[in-house]
C-alpha atoms as a PDB file:
ATOM      1  CA  ILE A   1      86.588 112.921 183.053  1.00  0.00           C
ATOM      2  CA  LYS A   2      88.882 110.074 184.000  1.00  0.00           C
ATOM      3  CA  PHE A   3      92.494 110.512 185.020  1.00  0.00           C
ATOM      4  CA  SER A   4      93.629 108.220 182.220  1.00  0.00           C
ATOM      5  CA  GLU A   5      91.982 110.551 179.667  1.00  0.00           C
ATOM      6  CA  VAL A   6      94.077 113.572 180.698  1.00  0.00           C
ATOM      7  CA  PRO A   7      97.185 114.028 178.516  1.00  0.00           C
ATOM      8  CA  ASN A   8     100.583 115.119 179.784  1.00  0.00           C
ATOM      9  CA  GLY A   9     101.973 118.623 179.636  1.00  0.00           C
ATOM     10  CA  LEU A  10     100.264 121.749 178.395  1.00  0.00           C
ATOM     11  CA  SER A  11      97.609 119.836 176.476  1.00  0.00           C
ATOM     12  CA  ALA A  12      96.062 118.913 179.846  1.00  0.00           C
ATOM     13  CA  PHE A  13      94.734 122.487 180.085  1.00  0.00           C
ATOM     14  CA  SER A  14      92.338 121.793 177.243  1.00  0.00           C
ATOM     15  CA  LYS A  15      90.745 118.932 179.171  1.00  0.00           C
ATOM     16  CA  VAL A  16      89.741 121.010 182.206  1.00  0.00           C
ATOM     17  CA  PRO A  17      85.995 121.705 182.028  1.00  0.00           C
ATOM     18  CA  SER A  18      84.815 125.316 182.008  1.00  0.00           C
ATOM     19  CA  LEU A  19      83.222 124.857 185.444  1.00  0.00           C
ATOM     20  CA  GLY A  20      86.642 123.783 186.740  1.00  0.00           C
ATOM     21  CA  TRP A  21      88.240 126.969 185.370  1.00  0.00           C
ATOM     22  CA  LEU A  22      85.430 128.976 186.959  1.00  0.00           C
ATOM     23  CA  GLN A  23      86.164 127.352 190.333  1.00  0.00           C
ATOM     24  CA  ILE A  24      89.906 128.027 190.050  1.00  0.00           C
ATOM     25  CA  VAL A  25      89.475 131.673 189.040  1.00  0.00           C
ATOM     26  CA  GLY A  26      86.696 132.197 191.593  1.00  0.00           C
ATOM     27  CA  PHE A  27      88.772 130.811 194.456  1.00  0.00           C
ATOM     28  CA  ALA A  28      91.793 132.917 193.467  1.00  0.00           C
ATOM     29  CA  GLY A  29      89.563 135.995 193.302  1.00  0.00           C
ATOM     30  CA  ILE A  30      88.077 135.351 196.745  1.00  0.00           C
ATOM     31  CA  VAL A  31      91.539 134.937 198.253  1.00  0.00           C
ATOM     32  CA  GLU A  32      92.761 138.136 196.547  1.00  0.00           C
ATOM     33  CA  LEU A  33      89.792 140.210 197.706  1.00  0.00           C
ATOM     34  CA  ASN A  34      89.293 138.847 201.219  1.00  0.00           C
ATOM     35  CA  VAL A  35      92.678 137.660 202.466  1.00  0.00           C
ATOM     36  CA  TYR A  36      95.345 139.671 200.659  1.00  0.00           C
ATOM     37  CA  ASN A  37      93.660 143.051 200.462  1.00  0.00           C
ATOM     38  CA  GLU A  38      95.787 145.186 202.827  1.00  0.00           C
ATOM     39  CA  GLN A  39      99.428 146.187 202.729  1.00  0.00           C
ATOM     40  CA  VAL A  40     101.556 146.558 205.843  1.00  0.00           C
ATOM     41  CA  ASN A  41     103.747 149.669 206.083  1.00  0.00           C
ATOM     42  CA  ASP A  42     102.823 150.590 202.485  1.00  0.00           C
ATOM     43  CA  GLU A  43     105.114 147.856 201.147  1.00  0.00           C
ATOM     44  CA  PRO A  44     103.915 146.155 197.960  1.00  0.00           C
ATOM     45  CA  GLY A  45     103.397 142.447 198.587  1.00  0.00           C
ATOM     46  CA  ASN A  46     103.648 142.708 202.383  1.00  0.00           C
ATOM     47  CA  TYR A  47     100.302 141.524 203.698  1.00  0.00           C
ATOM     48  CA  GLY A  48     101.508 140.753 207.209  1.00  0.00           C
ATOM     49  CA  ALA A  49     100.483 137.113 206.881  1.00  0.00           C
ATOM     50  CA  GLY A  50     103.966 135.663 207.440  1.00  0.00           C
ATOM     51  CA  PHE A  51     105.198 132.263 206.323  1.00  0.00           C
ATOM     52  CA  LEU A  52     102.281 130.264 204.835  1.00  0.00           C
ATOM     53  CA  GLY A  53      99.881 132.796 206.357  1.00  0.00           C
ATOM     54  CA  LEU A  54     100.575 131.518 209.873  1.00  0.00           C
ATOM     55  CA  ARG A  55     100.994 134.989 211.374  1.00  0.00           C
ATOM     56  CA  SER A  56      97.386 135.831 210.507  1.00  0.00           C
ATOM     57  CA  ILE A  57      96.223 133.124 212.949  1.00  0.00           C
ATOM     58  CA  GLY A  58      98.704 134.138 215.677  1.00  0.00           C
ATOM     59  CA  PHE A  59     101.144 131.287 215.192  1.00  0.00           C
ATOM     60  CA  MET A  60     104.351 133.182 214.323  1.00  0.00           C
ATOM     61  CA  ASN A  61     106.645 135.855 215.685  1.00  0.00           C
ATOM     62  CA  ALA A  62     106.662 139.515 214.617  1.00  0.00           C
ATOM     63  CA  GLY A  63     109.177 139.029 211.789  1.00  0.00           C
ATOM     64  CA  ILE A  64     112.733 140.120 211.058  1.00  0.00           C
ATOM     65  CA  ALA A  65     113.711 143.140 213.172  1.00  0.00           C
ATOM     66  CA  ASP A  66     117.053 144.048 211.558  1.00  0.00           C
ATOM     67  CA  PRO A  67     116.361 146.053 208.356  1.00  0.00           C
ATOM     68  CA  GLU A  68     119.599 144.960 206.633  1.00  0.00           C
ATOM     69  CA  VAL A  69     118.906 141.257 207.212  1.00  0.00           C
ATOM     70  CA  ARG A  70     115.305 141.758 206.080  1.00  0.00           C
ATOM     71  CA  LYS A  71     116.446 143.534 202.910  1.00  0.00           C
ATOM     72  CA  LYS A  72     118.922 140.750 202.133  1.00  0.00           C
ATOM     73  CA  LYS A  73     116.254 138.054 202.624  1.00  0.00           C
ATOM     74  CA  LEU A  74     113.703 139.945 200.520  1.00  0.00           C
ATOM     75  CA  ASN A  75     116.252 140.312 197.700  1.00  0.00           C
ATOM     76  CA  ALA A  76     117.030 136.593 197.910  1.00  0.00           C
ATOM     77  CA  GLU A  77     113.308 135.788 197.731  1.00  0.00           C
ATOM     78  CA  LEU A  78     112.903 138.070 194.725  1.00  0.00           C
ATOM     79  CA  ALA A  79     115.852 136.449 192.941  1.00  0.00           C
ATOM     80  CA  ASN A  80     114.513 132.958 193.651  1.00  0.00           C
ATOM     81  CA  GLY A  81     111.092 133.970 192.317  1.00  0.00           C
ATOM     82  CA  ARG A  82     112.652 135.270 189.107  1.00  0.00           C
ATOM     83  CA  LEU A  83     114.637 132.062 188.699  1.00  0.00           C
ATOM     84  CA  ALA A  84     111.489 129.980 189.220  1.00  0.00           C
ATOM     85  CA  MET A  85     109.618 131.991 186.576  1.00  0.00           C
ATOM     86  CA  PHE A  86     112.488 131.525 184.133  1.00  0.00           C
ATOM     87  CA  ALA A  87     112.552 127.781 184.823  1.00  0.00           C
ATOM     88  CA  ILE A  88     108.813 127.266 184.333  1.00  0.00           C
ATOM     89  CA  ILE A  89     108.872 129.204 181.048  1.00  0.00           C
ATOM     90  CA  GLY A  90     111.711 126.921 179.916  1.00  0.00           C
ATOM     91  CA  MET A  91     109.643 123.875 180.846  1.00  0.00           C
ATOM     92  CA  PHE A  92     106.632 125.251 178.942  1.00  0.00           C
ATOM     93  CA  PHE A  93     108.816 125.877 175.902  1.00  0.00           C
ATOM     94  CA  GLN A  94     110.280 122.362 176.068  1.00  0.00           C
ATOM     95  CA  ASP A  95     106.842 120.791 176.374  1.00  0.00           C
ATOM     96  CA  GLY A  96     105.474 122.849 173.499  1.00  0.00           C
ATOM     97  CA  LEU A  97     108.464 121.989 171.321  1.00  0.00           C
ATOM     98  CA  THR A  98     108.758 118.270 172.008  1.00  0.00           C
ATOM     99  CA  GLY A  99     105.235 117.433 173.146  1.00  0.00           C
END
């Protein structure tokens, strides 16, 4: 498949070969099962990997010590994630509507 043959927007998904989808799903599954398989302090989503996974290779500090600051930063991250999901759904809707 040539780059010039791939359309813009959501219709590009239909041009990905099935082996490509298998590679994407397989890689995501390997990362889920081998890298992000433990939780730290029984917190959902806390894998102890740190920013970009750098703590898992010993390149970062121990994290945020103050629980109030940590809670505030986690809430900000959650709000930003929700905003990003809302924005991408809006972009999908726009692309599906206008092409």
